[in-house]
Amino acid sequence: MRVAAVHTSLESIDADVVVHGVFADPAAVAPITGDANMDRQIIELFEAGELTSRGSTVVFPFPSSHRARYLTVLSLGQRENWNALAAFRTAGGCAKSIAARERATVAISFPRSDDPNVDKAAVRGAITGCQGQDLYRAEKRLHPFQTLLWHGIDEALLDAAAIEAECTLLARRWVNEPPANVYPESFVSFATEQTAGLDVEIEVWDEERLKKENCNCLLAVGRGSNRAPRLMVMTYRGADHAPLALVGKGVTFDSGGLSIKPTDGMKAMKCDMAGAATAVAALIGI
């Protein structure tokens, strides 16, 4: 996905859909579209209380004089309740709804926050929200945008948020892959491929090294599988600050301990390596 900042007026943005986020305060809704009739309808909706709950939307077709096809007015709820989590969920929910159909270019405009983490959370929500985990479905439920334009945002902030979002998607993909594809050795290979070209050192402990280091608990768990265990140590030597260590559990499939899990309990056991996936993806982002 291409992600870029735009700083032109909304009516001049060339996109399939323009999303404009507005707080649920009629007094704060200003003309936004460049079309007096459409602006009046939007303000009337807010005054009538139709767009008060966060996440509610109304879709308008843009006049032919505009370059974009549709305008989605998105309620951001009450301003005092707007924080990073709200931004992530609201942007993500809207993006997911739009991605139910194929859209080449989507533009989003949110009010800038005093906290840059809130703006970054909104970007992360939109990028991750439009991309599902239909890894092997013939018919996809979601169609990721080819281009995401973000109106009026600082480009450095946008780039950082996009990197964080892509790392989140990478971790999600590893977690959602079946254990036939993700097992200790293959996970090491995936991590090695993703860090190629980065200043990251990777050390892998095989069974012999694990025995030498007395990692008996890890070896004992590994005996329950026909896949040999591995311990991966990734090191990035960045700025001259105090060391930061991330430790992630990487059991690629947990069938149970003393009691084998029932059928329904098996479905999510491929997720038992989410800790390791998160740690690796975070290091890539850093």
Foldseek 3Di string as FASTA:
>chain_A
DAEEEDADAPQADAWQEEEEEDELDLVRQDDRHPDVVVSVVVSVCSVVVVQADFQDWDKDAHPPSGNYGIYIYGYLHHPVPQDLVSLLQNLLVVLLVVQQDAIAEYEYEYDDDPDLSNVLSNLLSNQLSQDDQPPPDPDDRGHGHNYYYYYPDDGVSNVLSVLLSVLVVQLVNQLPDALVQDDAVNVVVVLCVLCVPPQKDKDKDWPVNCVVVVVVVQQVVQVVDPDTHMDMDMDDDDDPDPDDDQDFFAHQFDQDDPDGDDPVVRPNRSNNRSSVSNRSSVVSSD
